Amino acid sequence: MDSYIVRIYRRTDEPPELAGKVEKAGTEMKKYFHNTGELVKILTSGCGLCGRDAEGDDVAATRGCH
């Protein structure tokens, strides 16, 4: 099981949105999100924050992982 730290930097009421970053616990890997859809995609994607995506591409190189 993967563990993540979610840091929310901005929350607005109108329209209701979040922005922040997701970090994979115990690593230097992180990814930023700008809305709830991006947050859900990060947390539910098969690759999480590292490794390769469904197409076999390196996530760090193509998806903005740092």
PDB file of N, CA and C in Angstrom:
ATOM      1  N   MET A   1       0.845  -1.169   0.000  1.00  0.00           N
ATOM      2  CA  MET A   1       0.000   0.000   0.000  1.00  0.00           C
ATOM      3  C   MET A   1       0.894   1.237   0.000  1.00  0.00           C
ATOM      4  N   ASP A   2       0.570   2.201  -0.851  1.00  0.00           N
ATOM      5  CA  ASP A   2       1.298   3.465  -0.905  1.00  0.00           C
ATOM      6  C   ASP A   2       0.702   4.452   0.090  1.00  0.00           C
ATOM      7  N   SER A   3       1.560   5.284   0.647  1.00  0.00           N
ATOM      8  CA  SER A   3       1.114   6.342   1.556  1.00  0.00           C
ATOM      9  C   SER A   3       1.471   7.690   0.955  1.00  0.00           C
ATOM     10  N   TYR A   4       0.555   8.643   1.091  1.00  0.00           N
ATOM     11  CA  TYR A   4       0.733   9.968   0.507  1.00  0.00           C
ATOM     12  C   TYR A   4       0.484  11.044   1.551  1.00  0.00           C
ATOM     13  N   ILE A   5       1.140  12.174   1.366  1.00  0.00           N
ATOM     14  CA  ILE A   5       0.893  13.371   2.163  1.00  0.00           C
ATOM     15  C   ILE A   5       0.264  14.390   1.223  1.00  0.00           C
ATOM     16  N   VAL A   6      -0.906  14.884   1.570  1.00  0.00           N
ATOM     17  CA  VAL A   6      -1.601  15.865   0.738  1.00  0.00           C
ATOM     18  C   VAL A   6      -1.543  17.211   1.451  1.00  0.00           C
ATOM     19  N   ARG A   7      -0.944  18.191   0.786  1.00  0.00           N
ATOM     20  CA  ARG A   7      -0.848  19.545   1.339  1.00  0.00           C
ATOM     21  C   ARG A   7      -1.759  20.451   0.515  1.00  0.00           C
ATOM     22  N   ILE A   8      -2.698  21.064   1.182  1.00  0.00           N
ATOM     23  CA  ILE A   8      -3.627  21.962   0.502  1.00  0.00           C
ATOM     24  C   ILE A   8      -3.204  23.393   0.805  1.00  0.00           C
ATOM     25  N   TYR A   9      -2.864  24.125  -0.253  1.00  0.00           N
ATOM     26  CA  TYR A   9      -2.386  25.495  -0.109  1.00  0.00           C
ATOM     27  C   TYR A   9      -3.485  26.521  -0.293  1.00  0.00           C
ATOM     28  N   ARG A  10      -4.472  26.175  -1.075  1.00  0.00           N
ATOM     29  CA  ARG A  10      -5.522  27.151  -1.382  1.00  0.00           C
ATOM     30  C   ARG A  10      -6.850  26.424  -1.447  1.00  0.00           C
ATOM     31  N   ARG A  11      -7.841  27.034  -0.858  1.00  0.00           N
ATOM     32  CA  ARG A  11      -9.198  26.511  -0.943  1.00  0.00           C
ATOM     33  C   ARG A  11     -10.120  27.692  -1.152  1.00  0.00           C
ATOM     34  N   THR A  12     -10.952  27.613  -2.172  1.00  0.00           N
ATOM     35  CA  THR A  12     -11.897  28.692  -2.433  1.00  0.00           C
ATOM     36  C   THR A  12     -13.312  28.160  -2.298  1.00  0.00           C
ATOM     37  N   ASP A  13     -14.208  29.046  -1.946  1.00  0.00           N
ATOM     38  CA  ASP A  13     -15.607  28.647  -1.799  1.00  0.00           C
ATOM     39  C   ASP A  13     -16.397  28.845  -3.085  1.00  0.00           C
ATOM     40  N   GLU A  14     -16.066  29.851  -3.846  1.00  0.00           N
ATOM     41  CA  GLU A  14     -16.811  30.165  -5.074  1.00  0.00           C
ATOM     42  C   GLU A  14     -15.876  30.277  -6.256  1.00  0.00           C
ATOM     43  N   PRO A  15     -15.764  29.351  -7.129  1.00  0.00           N
ATOM     44  CA  PRO A  15     -16.312  28.000  -7.038  1.00  0.00           C
ATOM     45  C   PRO A  15     -15.480  27.168  -6.056  1.00  0.00           C
ATOM     46  N   PRO A  16     -16.060  26.123  -5.500  1.00  0.00           N
ATOM     47  CA  PRO A  16     -15.328  25.307  -4.525  1.00  0.00           C
ATOM     48  C   PRO A  16     -14.181  24.547  -5.200  1.00  0.00           C
ATOM     49  N   GLU A  17     -12.954  24.918  -4.891  1.00  0.00           N
ATOM     50  CA  GLU A  17     -11.775  24.283  -5.483  1.00  0.00           C
ATOM     51  C   GLU A  17     -10.642  24.186  -4.467  1.00  0.00           C
ATOM     52  N   LEU A  18      -9.691  23.310  -4.758  1.00  0.00           N
ATOM     53  CA  LEU A  18      -8.502  23.123  -3.944  1.00  0.00           C
ATOM     54  C   LEU A  18      -7.274  23.223  -4.833  1.00  0.00           C
ATOM     55  N   ALA A  19      -6.142  23.575  -4.239  1.00  0.00           N
ATOM     56  CA  ALA A  19      -4.859  23.520  -4.932  1.00  0.00           C
ATOM     57  C   ALA A  19      -3.807  23.143  -3.904  1.00  0.00           C
ATOM     58  N   GLY A  20      -2.802  22.401  -4.336  1.00  0.00           N
ATOM     59  CA  GLY A  20      -1.748  21.997  -3.419  1.00  0.00           C
ATOM     60  C   GLY A  20      -0.834  20.982  -4.047  1.00  0.00           C
ATOM     61  N   LYS A  21      -0.262  20.105  -3.211  1.00  0.00           N
ATOM     62  CA  LYS A  21       0.621  19.077  -3.741  1.00  0.00           C
ATOM     63  C   LYS A  21       0.425  17.772  -2.991  1.00  0.00           C
ATOM     64  N   VAL A  22       0.745  16.701  -3.687  1.00  0.00           N
ATOM     65  CA  VAL A  22       0.704  15.355  -3.126  1.00  0.00           C
ATOM     66  C   VAL A  22       2.134  14.848  -3.109  1.00  0.00           C
ATOM     67  N   GLU A  23       2.575  14.342  -1.964  1.00  0.00           N
ATOM     68  CA  GLU A  23       3.910  13.772  -1.842  1.00  0.00           C
ATOM     69  C   GLU A  23       3.775  12.296  -1.524  1.00  0.00           C
ATOM     70  N   LYS A  24       4.633  11.494  -2.124  1.00  0.00           N
ATOM     71  CA  LYS A  24       4.669  10.075  -1.781  1.00  0.00           C
ATOM     72  C   LYS A  24       5.524   9.958  -0.529  1.00  0.00           C
ATOM     73  N   ALA A  25       4.947   9.451   0.549  1.00  0.00           N
ATOM     74  CA  ALA A  25       5.626   9.386   1.837  1.00  0.00           C
ATOM     75  C   ALA A  25       6.927   8.597   1.729  1.00  0.00           C
ATOM     76  N   GLY A  26       7.965   9.132   2.354  1.00  0.00           N
ATOM     77  CA  GLY A  26       9.251   8.460   2.380  1.00  0.00           C
ATOM     78  C   GLY A  26      10.093   8.643   1.137  1.00  0.00           C
ATOM     79  N   THR A  27       9.642   9.487   0.205  1.00  0.00           N
ATOM     80  CA  THR A  27      10.395   9.738  -1.026  1.00  0.00           C
ATOM     81  C   THR A  27      10.457  11.238  -1.272  1.00  0.00           C
ATOM     82  N   GLU A  28      11.172  11.624  -2.302  1.00  0.00           N
ATOM     83  CA  GLU A  28      11.246  13.022  -2.721  1.00  0.00           C
ATOM     84  C   GLU A  28      10.208  13.333  -3.796  1.00  0.00           C
ATOM     85  N   MET A  29       9.393  12.353  -4.167  1.00  0.00           N
ATOM     86  CA  MET A  29       8.456  12.528  -5.278  1.00  0.00           C
ATOM     87  C   MET A  29       7.240  13.326  -4.858  1.00  0.00           C
ATOM     88  N   LYS A  30       6.874  14.286  -5.712  1.00  0.00           N
ATOM     89  CA  LYS A  30       5.702  15.106  -5.438  1.00  0.00           C
ATOM     90  C   LYS A  30       5.075  15.534  -6.753  1.00  0.00           C
ATOM     91  N   LYS A  31       3.809  15.855  -6.674  1.00  0.00           N
ATOM     92  CA  LYS A  31       3.088  16.319  -7.854  1.00  0.00           C
ATOM     93  C   LYS A  31       2.081  17.360  -7.398  1.00  0.00           C
ATOM     94  N   TYR A  32       1.957  18.429  -8.174  1.00  0.00           N
ATOM     95  CA  TYR A  32       1.054  19.522  -7.832  1.00  0.00           C
ATOM     96  C   TYR A  32      -0.302  19.324  -8.489  1.00  0.00           C
ATOM     97  N   PHE A  33      -1.349  19.796  -7.813  1.00  0.00           N
ATOM     98  CA  PHE A  33      -2.690  19.767  -8.393  1.00  0.00           C
ATOM     99  C   PHE A  33      -3.297  21.153  -8.285  1.00  0.00           C
ATOM    100  N   HIS A  34      -4.205  21.441  -9.215  1.00  0.00           N
ATOM    101  CA  HIS A  34      -4.821  22.770  -9.283  1.00  0.00           C
ATOM    102  C   HIS A  34      -6.328  22.731  -9.135  1.00  0.00           C
ATOM    103  N   ASN A  35      -6.881  21.536  -9.014  1.00  0.00           N
ATOM    104  CA  ASN A  35      -8.321  21.390  -8.798  1.00  0.00           C
ATOM    105  C   ASN A  35      -8.585  19.988  -8.261  1.00  0.00           C
ATOM    106  N   THR A  36      -9.793  19.744  -7.836  1.00  0.00           N
ATOM    107  CA  THR A  36     -10.111  18.449  -7.235  1.00  0.00           C
ATOM    108  C   THR A  36      -9.986  17.307  -8.234  1.00  0.00           C
ATOM    109  N   GLY A  37     -10.262  17.576  -9.502  1.00  0.00           N
ATOM    110  CA  GLY A  37     -10.128  16.534 -10.516  1.00  0.00           C
ATOM    111  C   GLY A  37      -8.696  16.042 -10.636  1.00  0.00           C
ATOM    112  N   GLU A  38      -7.739  16.974 -10.633  1.00  0.00           N
ATOM    113  CA  GLU A  38      -6.334  16.589 -10.703  1.00  0.00           C
ATOM    114  C   GLU A  38      -5.913  15.825  -9.453  1.00  0.00           C
ATOM    115  N   LEU A  39      -6.398  16.240  -8.283  1.00  0.00           N
ATOM    116  CA  LEU A  39      -6.077  15.536  -7.044  1.00  0.00           C
ATOM    117  C   LEU A  39      -6.562  14.093  -7.107  1.00  0.00           C
ATOM    118  N   VAL A  40      -7.796  13.907  -7.521  1.00  0.00           N
ATOM    119  CA  VAL A  40      -8.348  12.554  -7.626  1.00  0.00           C
ATOM    120  C   VAL A  40      -7.544  11.724  -8.621  1.00  0.00           C
ATOM    121  N   LYS A  41      -7.170  12.306  -9.740  1.00  0.00           N
ATOM    122  CA  LYS A  41      -6.403  11.580 -10.760  1.00  0.00           C
ATOM    123  C   LYS A  41      -5.049  11.127 -10.209  1.00  0.00           C
ATOM    124  N   ILE A  42      -4.378  12.004  -9.467  1.00  0.00           N
ATOM    125  CA  ILE A  42      -3.088  11.646  -8.874  1.00  0.00           C
ATOM    126  C   ILE A  42      -3.251  10.473  -7.917  1.00  0.00           C
ATOM    127  N   LEU A  43      -4.255  10.549  -7.062  1.00  0.00           N
ATOM    128  CA  LEU A  43      -4.423   9.529  -6.029  1.00  0.00           C
ATOM    129  C   LEU A  43      -4.981   8.213  -6.553  1.00  0.00           C
ATOM    130  N   THR A  44      -5.692   8.239  -7.660  1.00  0.00           N
ATOM    131  CA  THR A  44      -6.317   7.011  -8.158  1.00  0.00           C
ATOM    132  C   THR A  44      -5.607   6.406  -9.359  1.00  0.00           C
ATOM    133  N   SER A  45      -4.616   7.102  -9.915  1.00  0.00           N
ATOM    134  CA  SER A  45      -3.915   6.548 -11.073  1.00  0.00           C
ATOM    135  C   SER A  45      -3.114   5.328 -10.638  1.00  0.00           C
ATOM    136  N   GLY A  46      -2.980   4.403 -11.537  1.00  0.00           N
ATOM    137  CA  GLY A  46      -2.257   3.178 -11.223  1.00  0.00           C
ATOM    138  C   GLY A  46      -0.807   3.413 -10.858  1.00  0.00           C
ATOM    139  N   CYS A  47      -0.215   4.488 -11.373  1.00  0.00           N
ATOM    140  CA  CYS A  47       1.214   4.713 -11.146  1.00  0.00           C
ATOM    141  C   CYS A  47       1.480   5.550  -9.903  1.00  0.00           C
ATOM    142  N   GLY A  48       0.488   6.222  -9.378  1.00  0.00           N
ATOM    143  CA  GLY A  48       0.749   7.119  -8.255  1.00  0.00           C
ATOM    144  C   GLY A  48       1.654   8.247  -8.683  1.00  0.00           C
ATOM    145  N   LEU A  49       2.796   8.382  -8.052  1.00  0.00           N
ATOM    146  CA  LEU A  49       3.704   9.485  -8.353  1.00  0.00           C
ATOM    147  C   LEU A  49       5.016   9.045  -8.982  1.00  0.00           C
ATOM    148  N   CYS A  50       5.211   7.768  -9.201  1.00  0.00           N
ATOM    149  CA  CYS A  50       6.494   7.337  -9.735  1.00  0.00           C
ATOM    150  C   CYS A  50       6.305   6.135 -10.645  1.00  0.00           C
ATOM    151  N   GLY A  51       7.364   5.741 -11.271  1.00  0.00           N
ATOM    152  CA  GLY A  51       7.308   4.574 -12.133  1.00  0.00           C
ATOM    153  C   GLY A  51       6.801   4.917 -13.517  1.00  0.00           C
ATOM    154  N   ARG A  52       6.006   4.039 -14.087  1.00  0.00           N
ATOM    155  CA  ARG A  52       5.534   4.213 -15.455  1.00  0.00           C
ATOM    156  C   ARG A  52       4.015   4.226 -15.484  1.00  0.00           C
ATOM    157  N   ASP A  53       3.473   4.983 -16.433  1.00  0.00           N
ATOM    158  CA  ASP A  53       2.026   5.054 -16.570  1.00  0.00           C
ATOM    159  C   ASP A  53       1.522   3.888 -17.415  1.00  0.00           C
ATOM    160  N   ALA A  54       0.234   3.896 -17.711  1.00  0.00           N
ATOM    161  CA  ALA A  54      -0.387   2.791 -18.438  1.00  0.00           C
ATOM    162  C   ALA A  54       0.217   2.594 -19.823  1.00  0.00           C
ATOM    163  N   GLU A  55       0.767   3.667 -20.427  1.00  0.00           N
ATOM    164  CA  GLU A  55       1.378   3.569 -21.750  1.00  0.00           C
ATOM    165  C   GLU A  55       2.843   3.153 -21.674  1.00  0.00           C
ATOM    166  N   GLY A  56       3.384   3.021 -20.460  1.00  0.00           N
ATOM    167  CA  GLY A  56       4.780   2.637 -20.301  1.00  0.00           C
ATOM    168  C   GLY A  56       5.753   3.796 -20.288  1.00  0.00           C
ATOM    169  N   ASP A  57       5.236   5.026 -20.277  1.00  0.00           N
ATOM    170  CA  ASP A  57       6.098   6.205 -20.260  1.00  0.00           C
ATOM    171  C   ASP A  57       6.555   6.505 -18.840  1.00  0.00           C
ATOM    172  N   ASP A  58       7.757   7.042 -18.718  1.00  0.00           N
ATOM    173  CA  ASP A  58       8.294   7.434 -17.423  1.00  0.00           C
ATOM    174  C   ASP A  58       7.480   8.606 -16.890  1.00  0.00           C
ATOM    175  N   VAL A  59       6.832   8.410 -15.756  1.00  0.00           N
ATOM    176  CA  VAL A  59       5.945   9.428 -15.195  1.00  0.00           C
ATOM    177  C   VAL A  59       6.714  10.681 -14.812  1.00  0.00           C
ATOM    178  N   ALA A  60       7.877  10.543 -14.227  1.00  0.00           N
ATOM    179  CA  ALA A  60       8.645  11.709 -13.799  1.00  0.00           C
ATOM    180  C   ALA A  60       8.990  12.600 -14.981  1.00  0.00           C
ATOM    181  N   ALA A  61       9.217  12.013 -16.130  1.00  0.00           N
ATOM    182  CA  ALA A  61       9.602  12.797 -17.298  1.00  0.00           C
ATOM    183  C   ALA A  61       8.406  13.412 -18.014  1.00  0.00           C
ATOM    184  N   THR A  62       7.247  12.776 -17.949  1.00  0.00           N
ATOM    185  CA  THR A  62       6.120  13.224 -18.768  1.00  0.00           C
ATOM    186  C   THR A  62       4.961  13.808 -17.993  1.00  0.00           C
ATOM    187  N   ARG A  63       4.890  13.607 -16.701  1.00  0.00           N
ATOM    188  CA  ARG A  63       3.712  14.022 -15.954  1.00  0.00           C
ATOM    189  C   ARG A  63       3.985  15.098 -14.917  1.00  0.00           C
ATOM    190  N   GLY A  64       5.172  15.663 -14.909  1.00  0.00           N
ATOM    191  CA  GLY A  64       5.449  16.761 -13.994  1.00  0.00           C
ATOM    192  C   GLY A  64       5.834  16.342 -12.596  1.00  0.00           C
ATOM    193  N   CYS A  65       6.253  15.107 -12.400  1.00  0.00           N
ATOM    194  CA  CYS A  65       6.731  14.694 -11.083  1.00  0.00           C
ATOM    195  C   CYS A  65       8.097  15.321 -10.848  1.00  0.00           C
ATOM    196  N   HIS A  66       8.373  15.659  -9.601  1.00  0.00           N
ATOM    197  CA  HIS A  66       9.650  16.312  -9.286  1.00  0.00           C
ATOM    198  C   HIS A  66      10.378  15.500  -8.249  1.00  0.00           C
TER     199      HIS A  66
END
